[in-house]
Amino acid sequence: MRTTKAVPKQAGVALLMALIILLILTLLAVSSMQGSLVQERMASAQRDAMGSLEAAELALFEVEEAVRTGIWRPESNLNFIHDRGDAPDMFAAATWSRESTMSSEVDIGENFSARAFIEHLGEAVLDGDSDSLHVEDRSNPRLIANIVRIVVMGRGPSGESRRFIESYYVYE
């Protein structure tokens, strides 16, 4: 007669515990990966934003140089040079579209793009009696200067971010 020992039946508790631990580790890995992706997107957006600000600053320098040298002046009768009060809305998309004549493309290199417009605000007179600018009083003038408002919009390398700079420039 042969006797067999009774083998205890396993209920699969070890397998169940291993699966639960594996599930927890998978959830931690997925959560960590999502956090890394969000941080990478934030860094990319920050880099693009800095690029668009650099583009706007470079464009402002180029426009100020064009005004200073006389290439872009109110008397040039260019479409993107506006009289006082006639300047377009700087936040309107139509102002900055490639087809727009309200603003002009500024050449600042391959990776960046920028557009600008100028608003001629008039003349200012520095009179001889004080060291302040007066538009009305033209008695005893020392210097007559023109004032323009320059608005530039720069785009970063991706084209997704935009930065605006508004400057007032005085020239003789």
Foldseek 3Di string as FASTA:
>chain_A
DDDDDDDDDDPCPVVVVVVVVVVVVVVVVVVVVVVVVVVVVVVVVVQFQVQQVVQQVQQVVVVLVCVQVVVDDPVVPQQLEAEPPPQDDPPDPLCPDPPHSVWAWGDDDDQKTKIKGKYWDAKWFQAPVDRDTDPPDPPRTDDIKTKMKMKMWMGGRVRPDIDIDIDIDIYD
